[in-house]
Amino acid sequence: MPNIKSVAKDVKKSRELRLRNIATKSRIKTLVKGTKAAAESSDTEKAGKLLLETVSTVDKAAKRGIIHKNAAARRKSRLMKNVNKATAGK
């Protein structure tokens, strides 16, 4: 445990932020998985809604510095490709 009060506060804050970052990354993974599953099934309307929600969450994470902006762009691009490919044949 740190002896200095401000360092103790920094440790507490970094733990809180770490948990928030982990939760956001987990949410992104869950949304991506759900979007891919909806795209593979015949439910294009659900896939579209989930895609919008996923893109929004990824953008917010990139804006907050949880993931890198290029990583966010790559994830969105791959996901949109996947959804478009799955829904084009149906």
PDB file of N, CA and C in Angstrom:
ATOM      1  N   MET A   1       0.842  -1.185   0.000  1.00  0.00           N
ATOM      2  CA  MET A   1       0.000   0.000   0.000  1.00  0.00           C
ATOM      3  C   MET A   1       0.886   1.247   0.000  1.00  0.00           C
ATOM      4  N   PRO A   2       0.591   2.207  -0.827  1.00  0.00           N
ATOM      5  CA  PRO A   2       1.409   3.427  -0.895  1.00  0.00           C
ATOM      6  C   PRO A   2       1.303   4.262   0.383  1.00  0.00           C
ATOM      7  N   ASN A   3       2.387   4.955   0.693  1.00  0.00           N
ATOM      8  CA  ASN A   3       2.414   5.819   1.866  1.00  0.00           C
ATOM      9  C   ASN A   3       1.852   7.199   1.575  1.00  0.00           C
ATOM     10  N   ILE A   4       1.930   7.605   0.336  1.00  0.00           N
ATOM     11  CA  ILE A   4       1.513   8.955  -0.047  1.00  0.00           C
ATOM     12  C   ILE A   4       0.039   8.926  -0.453  1.00  0.00           C
ATOM     13  N   LYS A   5      -0.699   9.894   0.057  1.00  0.00           N
ATOM     14  CA  LYS A   5      -2.145   9.928  -0.146  1.00  0.00           C
ATOM     15  C   LYS A   5      -2.529  10.027  -1.627  1.00  0.00           C
ATOM     16  N   SER A   6      -1.845  10.877  -2.362  1.00  0.00           N
ATOM     17  CA  SER A   6      -2.184  11.058  -3.781  1.00  0.00           C
ATOM     18  C   SER A   6      -1.881   9.798  -4.589  1.00  0.00           C
ATOM     19  N   VAL A   7      -0.839   9.084  -4.227  1.00  0.00           N
ATOM     20  CA  VAL A   7      -0.509   7.838  -4.925  1.00  0.00           C
ATOM     21  C   VAL A   7      -1.564   6.775  -4.617  1.00  0.00           C
ATOM     22  N   ALA A   8      -2.040   6.751  -3.387  1.00  0.00           N
ATOM     23  CA  ALA A   8      -3.107   5.811  -3.027  1.00  0.00           C
ATOM     24  C   ALA A   8      -4.360   6.093  -3.848  1.00  0.00           C
ATOM     25  N   LYS A   9      -4.662   7.375  -4.047  1.00  0.00           N
ATOM     26  CA  LYS A   9      -5.818   7.749  -4.870  1.00  0.00           C
ATOM     27  C   LYS A   9      -5.598   7.335  -6.321  1.00  0.00           C
ATOM     28  N   ASP A  10      -4.362   7.504  -6.808  1.00  0.00           N
ATOM     29  CA  ASP A  10      -4.045   7.103  -8.178  1.00  0.00           C
ATOM     30  C   ASP A  10      -4.231   5.600  -8.370  1.00  0.00           C
ATOM     31  N   VAL A  11      -3.807   4.828  -7.395  1.00  0.00           N
ATOM     32  CA  VAL A  11      -3.946   3.375  -7.469  1.00  0.00           C
ATOM     33  C   VAL A  11      -5.424   2.995  -7.515  1.00  0.00           C
ATOM     34  N   LYS A  12      -6.208   3.628  -6.667  1.00  0.00           N
ATOM     35  CA  LYS A  12      -7.649   3.345  -6.636  1.00  0.00           C
ATOM     36  C   LYS A  12      -8.299   3.696  -7.973  1.00  0.00           C
ATOM     37  N   LYS A  13      -7.945   4.850  -8.500  1.00  0.00           N
ATOM     38  CA  LYS A  13      -8.522   5.310  -9.761  1.00  0.00           C
ATOM     39  C   LYS A  13      -8.119   4.386 -10.911  1.00  0.00           C
ATOM     40  N   SER A  14      -6.857   3.968 -10.950  1.00  0.00           N
ATOM     41  CA  SER A  14      -6.406   3.101 -12.033  1.00  0.00           C
ATOM     42  C   SER A  14      -7.100   1.745 -11.977  1.00  0.00           C
ATOM     43  N   ARG A  15      -7.394   1.251 -10.775  1.00  0.00           N
ATOM     44  CA  ARG A  15      -8.134  -0.006 -10.652  1.00  0.00           C
ATOM     45  C   ARG A  15      -9.555   0.139 -11.183  1.00  0.00           C
ATOM     46  N   GLU A  16     -10.188   1.258 -10.868  1.00  0.00           N
ATOM     47  CA  GLU A  16     -11.554   1.506 -11.356  1.00  0.00           C
ATOM     48  C   GLU A  16     -11.570   1.593 -12.881  1.00  0.00           C
ATOM     49  N   LEU A  17     -10.601   2.329 -13.441  1.00  0.00           N
ATOM     50  CA  LEU A  17     -10.538   2.488 -14.891  1.00  0.00           C
ATOM     51  C   LEU A  17     -10.234   1.157 -15.579  1.00  0.00           C
ATOM     52  N   ARG A  18      -9.384   0.348 -14.959  1.00  0.00           N
ATOM     53  CA  ARG A  18      -9.042  -0.956 -15.520  1.00  0.00           C
ATOM     54  C   ARG A  18     -10.292  -1.818 -15.619  1.00  0.00           C
ATOM     55  N   LEU A  19     -11.090  -1.829 -14.570  1.00  0.00           N
ATOM     56  CA  LEU A  19     -12.321  -2.619 -14.586  1.00  0.00           C
ATOM     57  C   LEU A  19     -13.289  -2.110 -15.651  1.00  0.00           C
ATOM     58  N   ARG A  20     -13.370  -0.797 -15.797  1.00  0.00           N
ATOM     59  CA  ARG A  20     -14.242  -0.210 -16.806  1.00  0.00           C
ATOM     60  C   ARG A  20     -13.765  -0.587 -18.214  1.00  0.00           C
ATOM     61  N   ASN A  21     -12.450  -0.546 -18.420  1.00  0.00           N
ATOM     62  CA  ASN A  21     -11.896  -0.909 -19.719  1.00  0.00           C
ATOM     63  C   ASN A  21     -12.159  -2.371 -20.049  1.00  0.00           C
ATOM     64  N   ILE A  22     -11.993  -3.230 -19.060  1.00  0.00           N
ATOM     65  CA  ILE A  22     -12.242  -4.658 -19.269  1.00  0.00           C
ATOM     66  C   ILE A  22     -13.713  -4.888 -19.623  1.00  0.00           C
ATOM     67  N   ALA A  23     -14.607  -4.191 -18.937  1.00  0.00           N
ATOM     68  CA  ALA A  23     -16.041  -4.338 -19.209  1.00  0.00           C
ATOM     69  C   ALA A  23     -16.375  -3.880 -20.630  1.00  0.00           C
ATOM     70  N   THR A  24     -15.768  -2.780 -21.056  1.00  0.00           N
ATOM     71  CA  THR A  24     -16.031  -2.267 -22.402  1.00  0.00           C
ATOM     72  C   THR A  24     -15.517  -3.232 -23.464  1.00  0.00           C
ATOM     73  N   LYS A  25     -14.311  -3.756 -23.274  1.00  0.00           N
ATOM     74  CA  LYS A  25     -13.750  -4.708 -24.238  1.00  0.00           C
ATOM     75  C   LYS A  25     -14.605  -5.967 -24.316  1.00  0.00           C
ATOM     76  N   SER A  26     -15.096  -6.408 -23.161  1.00  0.00           N
ATOM     77  CA  SER A  26     -15.953  -7.588 -23.128  1.00  0.00           C
ATOM     78  C   SER A  26     -17.261  -7.318 -23.864  1.00  0.00           C
ATOM     79  N   ARG A  27     -17.814  -6.137 -23.665  1.00  0.00           N
ATOM     80  CA  ARG A  27     -19.060  -5.766 -24.347  1.00  0.00           C
ATOM     81  C   ARG A  27     -18.869  -5.750 -25.859  1.00  0.00           C
ATOM     82  N   ILE A  28     -17.736  -5.238 -26.305  1.00  0.00           N
ATOM     83  CA  ILE A  28     -17.444  -5.203 -27.742  1.00  0.00           C
ATOM     84  C   ILE A  28     -17.415  -6.627 -28.295  1.00  0.00           C
ATOM     85  N   LYS A  29     -16.717  -7.515 -27.595  1.00  0.00           N
ATOM     86  CA  LYS A  29     -16.616  -8.899 -28.062  1.00  0.00           C
ATOM     87  C   LYS A  29     -17.988  -9.564 -28.119  1.00  0.00           C
ATOM     88  N   THR A  30     -18.815  -9.322 -27.108  1.00  0.00           N
ATOM     89  CA  THR A  30     -20.154  -9.902 -27.063  1.00  0.00           C
ATOM     90  C   THR A  30     -21.007  -9.383 -28.209  1.00  0.00           C
ATOM     91  N   LEU A  31     -20.940  -8.071 -28.458  1.00  0.00           N
ATOM     92  CA  LEU A  31     -21.725  -7.484 -29.549  1.00  0.00           C
ATOM     93  C   LEU A  31     -21.265  -8.000 -30.905  1.00  0.00           C
ATOM     94  N   VAL A  32     -19.964  -8.134 -31.093  1.00  0.00           N
ATOM     95  CA  VAL A  32     -19.440  -8.642 -32.368  1.00  0.00           C
ATOM     96  C   VAL A  32     -19.929 -10.071 -32.589  1.00  0.00           C
ATOM     97  N   LYS A  33     -19.853 -10.871 -31.547  1.00  0.00           N
ATOM     98  CA  LYS A  33     -20.294 -12.261 -31.656  1.00  0.00           C
ATOM     99  C   LYS A  33     -21.787 -12.328 -31.987  1.00  0.00           C
ATOM    100  N   GLY A  34     -22.587 -11.490 -31.332  1.00  0.00           N
ATOM    101  CA  GLY A  34     -24.024 -11.472 -31.597  1.00  0.00           C
ATOM    102  C   GLY A  34     -24.356 -10.974 -32.990  1.00  0.00           C
ATOM    103  N   THR A  35     -23.615  -9.981 -33.456  1.00  0.00           N
ATOM    104  CA  THR A  35     -23.836  -9.447 -34.795  1.00  0.00           C
ATOM    105  C   THR A  35     -23.509 -10.490 -35.848  1.00  0.00           C
ATOM    106  N   LYS A  36     -22.399 -11.194 -35.666  1.00  0.00           N
ATOM    107  CA  LYS A  36     -22.025 -12.244 -36.620  1.00  0.00           C
ATOM    108  C   LYS A  36     -23.067 -13.361 -36.635  1.00  0.00           C
ATOM    109  N   ALA A  37     -23.552 -13.730 -35.462  1.00  0.00           N
ATOM    110  CA  ALA A  37     -24.562 -14.790 -35.377  1.00  0.00           C
ATOM    111  C   ALA A  37     -25.856 -14.366 -36.058  1.00  0.00           C
ATOM    112  N   ALA A  38     -26.253 -13.109 -35.862  1.00  0.00           N
ATOM    113  CA  ALA A  38     -27.476 -12.608 -36.497  1.00  0.00           C
ATOM    114  C   ALA A  38     -27.302 -12.530 -38.008  1.00  0.00           C
ATOM    115  N   ALA A  39     -26.101 -12.178 -38.453  1.00  0.00           N
ATOM    116  CA  ALA A  39     -25.845 -12.097 -39.894  1.00  0.00           C
ATOM    117  C   ALA A  39     -25.880 -13.483 -40.527  1.00  0.00           C
ATOM    118  N   GLU A  40     -25.357 -14.477 -39.822  1.00  0.00           N
ATOM    119  CA  GLU A  40     -25.352 -15.841 -40.353  1.00  0.00           C
ATOM    120  C   GLU A  40     -26.762 -16.420 -40.433  1.00  0.00           C
ATOM    121  N   SER A  41     -27.603 -16.045 -39.475  1.00  0.00           N
ATOM    122  CA  SER A  41     -28.993 -16.477 -39.555  1.00  0.00           C
ATOM    123  C   SER A  41     -29.700 -15.583 -40.583  1.00  0.00           C
ATOM    124  N   SER A  42     -30.944 -15.797 -40.791  1.00  0.00           N
ATOM    125  CA  SER A  42     -31.656 -15.025 -41.821  1.00  0.00           C
ATOM    126  C   SER A  42     -32.213 -13.706 -41.294  1.00  0.00           C
ATOM    127  N   ASP A  43     -31.867 -13.340 -40.075  1.00  0.00           N
ATOM    128  CA  ASP A  43     -32.425 -12.143 -39.443  1.00  0.00           C
ATOM    129  C   ASP A  43     -31.576 -10.911 -39.779  1.00  0.00           C
ATOM    130  N   THR A  44     -31.825 -10.317 -40.951  1.00  0.00           N
ATOM    131  CA  THR A  44     -31.027  -9.167 -41.385  1.00  0.00           C
ATOM    132  C   THR A  44     -31.372  -7.901 -40.609  1.00  0.00           C
ATOM    133  N   GLU A  45     -32.623  -7.784 -40.178  1.00  0.00           N
ATOM    134  CA  GLU A  45     -33.030  -6.592 -39.417  1.00  0.00           C
ATOM    135  C   GLU A  45     -32.300  -6.547 -38.070  1.00  0.00           C
ATOM    136  N   LYS A  46     -32.247  -7.691 -37.405  1.00  0.00           N
ATOM    137  CA  LYS A  46     -31.553  -7.769 -36.115  1.00  0.00           C
ATOM    138  C   LYS A  46     -30.057  -7.517 -36.308  1.00  0.00           C
ATOM    139  N   ALA A  47     -29.500  -8.054 -37.381  1.00  0.00           N
ATOM    140  CA  ALA A  47     -28.073  -7.852 -37.666  1.00  0.00           C
ATOM    141  C   ALA A  47     -27.761  -6.379 -37.888  1.00  0.00           C
ATOM    142  N   GLY A  48     -28.667  -5.689 -38.574  1.00  0.00           N
ATOM    143  CA  GLY A  48     -28.472  -4.259 -38.815  1.00  0.00           C
ATOM    144  C   GLY A  48     -28.489  -3.446 -37.536  1.00  0.00           C
ATOM    145  N   LYS A  49     -29.434  -3.762 -36.650  1.00  0.00           N
ATOM    146  CA  LYS A  49     -29.513  -3.053 -35.368  1.00  0.00           C
ATOM    147  C   LYS A  49     -28.278  -3.323 -34.512  1.00  0.00           C
ATOM    148  N   LEU A  50     -27.883  -4.595 -34.458  1.00  0.00           N
ATOM    149  CA  LEU A  50     -26.705  -4.950 -33.676  1.00  0.00           C
ATOM    150  C   LEU A  50     -25.441  -4.332 -34.260  1.00  0.00           C
ATOM    151  N   LEU A  51     -25.380  -4.229 -35.580  1.00  0.00           N
ATOM    152  CA  LEU A  51     -24.220  -3.614 -36.220  1.00  0.00           C
ATOM    153  C   LEU A  51     -24.094  -2.155 -35.811  1.00  0.00           C
ATOM    154  N   LEU A  52     -25.199  -1.431 -35.814  1.00  0.00           N
ATOM    155  CA  LEU A  52     -25.169  -0.027 -35.399  1.00  0.00           C
ATOM    156  C   LEU A  52     -24.719   0.115 -33.947  1.00  0.00           C
ATOM    157  N   GLU A  53     -25.240  -0.741 -33.089  1.00  0.00           N
ATOM    158  CA  GLU A  53     -24.874  -0.693 -31.671  1.00  0.00           C
ATOM    159  C   GLU A  53     -23.392  -1.038 -31.475  1.00  0.00           C
ATOM    160  N   THR A  54     -22.921  -2.026 -32.222  1.00  0.00           N
ATOM    161  CA  THR A  54     -21.521  -2.433 -32.125  1.00  0.00           C
ATOM    162  C   THR A  54     -20.593  -1.328 -32.596  1.00  0.00           C
ATOM    163  N   VAL A  55     -20.918  -0.722 -33.729  1.00  0.00           N
ATOM    164  CA  VAL A  55     -20.089   0.366 -34.265  1.00  0.00           C
ATOM    165  C   VAL A  55     -20.044   1.527 -33.276  1.00  0.00           C
ATOM    166  N   SER A  56     -21.173   1.842 -32.685  1.00  0.00           N
ATOM    167  CA  SER A  56     -21.225   2.922 -31.704  1.00  0.00           C
ATOM    168  C   SER A  56     -20.338   2.613 -30.500  1.00  0.00           C
ATOM    169  N   THR A  57     -20.420   1.399 -29.994  1.00  0.00           N
ATOM    170  CA  THR A  57     -19.622   1.003 -28.836  1.00  0.00           C
ATOM    171  C   THR A  57     -18.135   1.019 -29.153  1.00  0.00           C
ATOM    172  N   VAL A  58     -17.765   0.542 -30.336  1.00  0.00           N
ATOM    173  CA  VAL A  58     -16.358   0.531 -30.748  1.00  0.00           C
ATOM    174  C   VAL A  58     -15.837   1.955 -30.891  1.00  0.00           C
ATOM    175  N   ASP A  59     -16.641   2.839 -31.479  1.00  0.00           N
ATOM    176  CA  ASP A  59     -16.231   4.236 -31.630  1.00  0.00           C
ATOM    177  C   ASP A  59     -16.027   4.913 -30.275  1.00  0.00           C
ATOM    178  N   LYS A  60     -16.938   4.661 -29.344  1.00  0.00           N
ATOM    179  CA  LYS A  60     -16.806   5.247 -28.008  1.00  0.00           C
ATOM    180  C   LYS A  60     -15.552   4.740 -27.307  1.00  0.00           C
ATOM    181  N   ALA A  61     -15.270   3.442 -27.466  1.00  0.00           N
ATOM    182  CA  ALA A  61     -14.073   2.874 -26.840  1.00  0.00           C
ATOM    183  C   ALA A  61     -12.810   3.502 -27.434  1.00  0.00           C
ATOM    184  N   ALA A  62     -12.822   3.741 -28.727  1.00  0.00           N
ATOM    185  CA  ALA A  62     -11.657   4.367 -29.372  1.00  0.00           C
ATOM    186  C   ALA A  62     -11.513   5.810 -28.919  1.00  0.00           C
ATOM    187  N   LYS A  63     -12.625   6.498 -28.787  1.00  0.00           N
ATOM    188  CA  LYS A  63     -12.594   7.891 -28.354  1.00  0.00           C
ATOM    189  C   LYS A  63     -12.044   8.012 -26.929  1.00  0.00           C
ATOM    190  N   ARG A  64     -12.379   7.057 -26.080  1.00  0.00           N
ATOM    191  CA  ARG A  64     -11.934   7.083 -24.689  1.00  0.00           C
ATOM    192  C   ARG A  64     -10.535   6.510 -24.502  1.00  0.00           C
ATOM    193  N   GLY A  65      -9.952   5.966 -25.577  1.00  0.00           N
ATOM    194  CA  GLY A  65      -8.599   5.425 -25.487  1.00  0.00           C
ATOM    195  C   GLY A  65      -8.535   3.999 -24.981  1.00  0.00           C
ATOM    196  N   ILE A  66      -9.663   3.316 -24.951  1.00  0.00           N
ATOM    197  CA  ILE A  66      -9.682   1.927 -24.484  1.00  0.00           C
ATOM    198  C   ILE A  66      -9.066   1.020 -25.538  1.00  0.00           C
ATOM    199  N   ILE A  67      -9.376   1.286 -26.797  1.00  0.00           N
ATOM    200  CA  ILE A  67      -8.710   0.601 -27.901  1.00  0.00           C
ATOM    201  C   ILE A  67      -8.167   1.662 -28.851  1.00  0.00           C
ATOM    202  N   HIS A  68      -7.185   1.280 -29.645  1.00  0.00           N
ATOM    203  CA  HIS A  68      -6.568   2.213 -30.582  1.00  0.00           C
ATOM    204  C   HIS A  68      -7.544   2.531 -31.710  1.00  0.00           C
ATOM    205  N   LYS A  69      -7.446   3.733 -32.266  1.00  0.00           N
ATOM    206  CA  LYS A  69      -8.398   4.143 -33.301  1.00  0.00           C
ATOM    207  C   LYS A  69      -8.289   3.282 -34.552  1.00  0.00           C
ATOM    208  N   ASN A  70      -7.073   2.841 -34.891  1.00  0.00           N
ATOM    209  CA  ASN A  70      -6.926   1.970 -36.057  1.00  0.00           C
ATOM    210  C   ASN A  70      -7.499   0.581 -35.791  1.00  0.00           C
ATOM    211  N   ALA A  71      -7.380   0.116 -34.567  1.00  0.00           N
ATOM    212  CA  ALA A  71      -7.969  -1.172 -34.193  1.00  0.00           C
ATOM    213  C   ALA A  71      -9.494  -1.084 -34.280  1.00  0.00           C
ATOM    214  N   ALA A  72     -10.036   0.060 -33.878  1.00  0.00           N
ATOM    215  CA  ALA A  72     -11.483   0.265 -33.963  1.00  0.00           C
ATOM    216  C   ALA A  72     -11.931   0.251 -35.428  1.00  0.00           C
ATOM    217  N   ALA A  73     -11.184   0.945 -36.269  1.00  0.00           N
ATOM    218  CA  ALA A  73     -11.527   0.995 -37.696  1.00  0.00           C
ATOM    219  C   ALA A  73     -11.441  -0.396 -38.315  1.00  0.00           C
ATOM    220  N   ARG A  74     -10.422  -1.149 -37.939  1.00  0.00           N
ATOM    221  CA  ARG A  74     -10.258  -2.501 -38.475  1.00  0.00           C
ATOM    222  C   ARG A  74     -11.402  -3.405 -38.044  1.00  0.00           C
ATOM    223  N   ARG A  75     -11.776  -3.341 -36.774  1.00  0.00           N
ATOM    224  CA  ARG A  75     -12.883  -4.165 -36.280  1.00  0.00           C
ATOM    225  C   ARG A  75     -14.183  -3.839 -36.997  1.00  0.00           C
ATOM    226  N   LYS A  76     -14.459  -2.537 -37.149  1.00  0.00           N
ATOM    227  CA  LYS A  76     -15.699  -2.121 -37.826  1.00  0.00           C
ATOM    228  C   LYS A  76     -15.697  -2.580 -39.275  1.00  0.00           C
ATOM    229  N   SER A  77     -14.565  -2.422 -39.950  1.00  0.00           N
ATOM    230  CA  SER A  77     -14.471  -2.796 -41.350  1.00  0.00           C
ATOM    231  C   SER A  77     -14.708  -4.286 -41.543  1.00  0.00           C
ATOM    232  N   ARG A  78     -14.049  -5.084 -40.743  1.00  0.00           N
ATOM    233  CA  ARG A  78     -14.195  -6.534 -40.859  1.00  0.00           C
ATOM    234  C   ARG A  78     -15.614  -6.982 -40.536  1.00  0.00           C
ATOM    235  N   LEU A  79     -16.203  -6.346 -39.530  1.00  0.00           N
ATOM    236  CA  LEU A  79     -17.562  -6.713 -39.148  1.00  0.00           C
ATOM    237  C   LEU A  79     -18.558  -6.350 -40.250  1.00  0.00           C
ATOM    238  N   MET A  80     -18.404  -5.154 -40.821  1.00  0.00           N
ATOM    239  CA  MET A  80     -19.309  -4.738 -41.893  1.00  0.00           C
ATOM    240  C   MET A  80     -19.154  -5.635 -43.117  1.00  0.00           C
ATOM    241  N   LYS A  81     -17.921  -6.006 -43.423  1.00  0.00           N
ATOM    242  CA  LYS A  81     -17.680  -6.941 -44.531  1.00  0.00           C
ATOM    243  C   LYS A  81     -18.408  -8.245 -44.277  1.00  0.00           C
ATOM    244  N   ASN A  82     -18.275  -8.741 -43.066  1.00  0.00           N
ATOM    245  CA  ASN A  82     -18.889 -10.011 -42.684  1.00  0.00           C
ATOM    246  C   ASN A  82     -20.412  -9.941 -42.794  1.00  0.00           C
ATOM    247  N   VAL A  83     -20.992  -8.881 -42.285  1.00  0.00           N
ATOM    248  CA  VAL A  83     -22.453  -8.717 -42.315  1.00  0.00           C
ATOM    249  C   VAL A  83     -22.937  -8.565 -43.753  1.00  0.00           C
ATOM    250  N   ASN A  84     -22.251  -7.745 -44.545  1.00  0.00           N
ATOM    251  CA  ASN A  84     -22.660  -7.533 -45.939  1.00  0.00           C
ATOM    252  C   ASN A  84     -22.559  -8.834 -46.743  1.00  0.00           C
ATOM    253  N   LYS A  85     -21.508  -9.596 -46.496  1.00  0.00           N
ATOM    254  CA  LYS A  85     -21.328 -10.863 -47.203  1.00  0.00           C
ATOM    255  C   LYS A  85     -22.426 -11.860 -46.837  1.00  0.00           C
ATOM    256  N   ALA A  86     -22.766 -11.919 -45.557  1.00  0.00           N
ATOM    257  CA  ALA A  86     -23.779 -12.877 -45.090  1.00  0.00           C
ATOM    258  C   ALA A  86     -25.179 -12.498 -45.543  1.00  0.00           C
ATOM    259  N   THR A  87     -25.462 -11.192 -45.582  1.00  0.00           N
ATOM    260  CA  THR A  87     -26.815 -10.762 -45.942  1.00  0.00           C
ATOM    261  C   THR A  87     -26.998 -10.616 -47.447  1.00  0.00           C
ATOM    262  N   ALA A  88     -25.917 -10.553 -48.203  1.00  0.00           N
ATOM    263  CA  ALA A  88     -26.024 -10.378 -49.652  1.00  0.00           C
ATOM    264  C   ALA A  88     -26.598 -11.625 -50.323  1.00  0.00           C
ATOM    265  N   GLY A  89     -26.257 -12.770 -49.799  1.00  0.00           N
ATOM    266  CA  GLY A  89     -26.724 -14.007 -50.398  1.00  0.00           C
ATOM    267  C   GLY A  89     -28.153 -14.355 -50.038  1.00  0.00           C
ATOM    268  N   LYS A  90     -28.742 -13.590 -49.125  1.00  0.00           N
ATOM    269  CA  LYS A  90     -30.092 -13.930 -48.657  1.00  0.00           C
ATOM    270  C   LYS A  90     -31.109 -12.925 -49.094  1.00  0.00           C
TER     271      LYS A  90
END
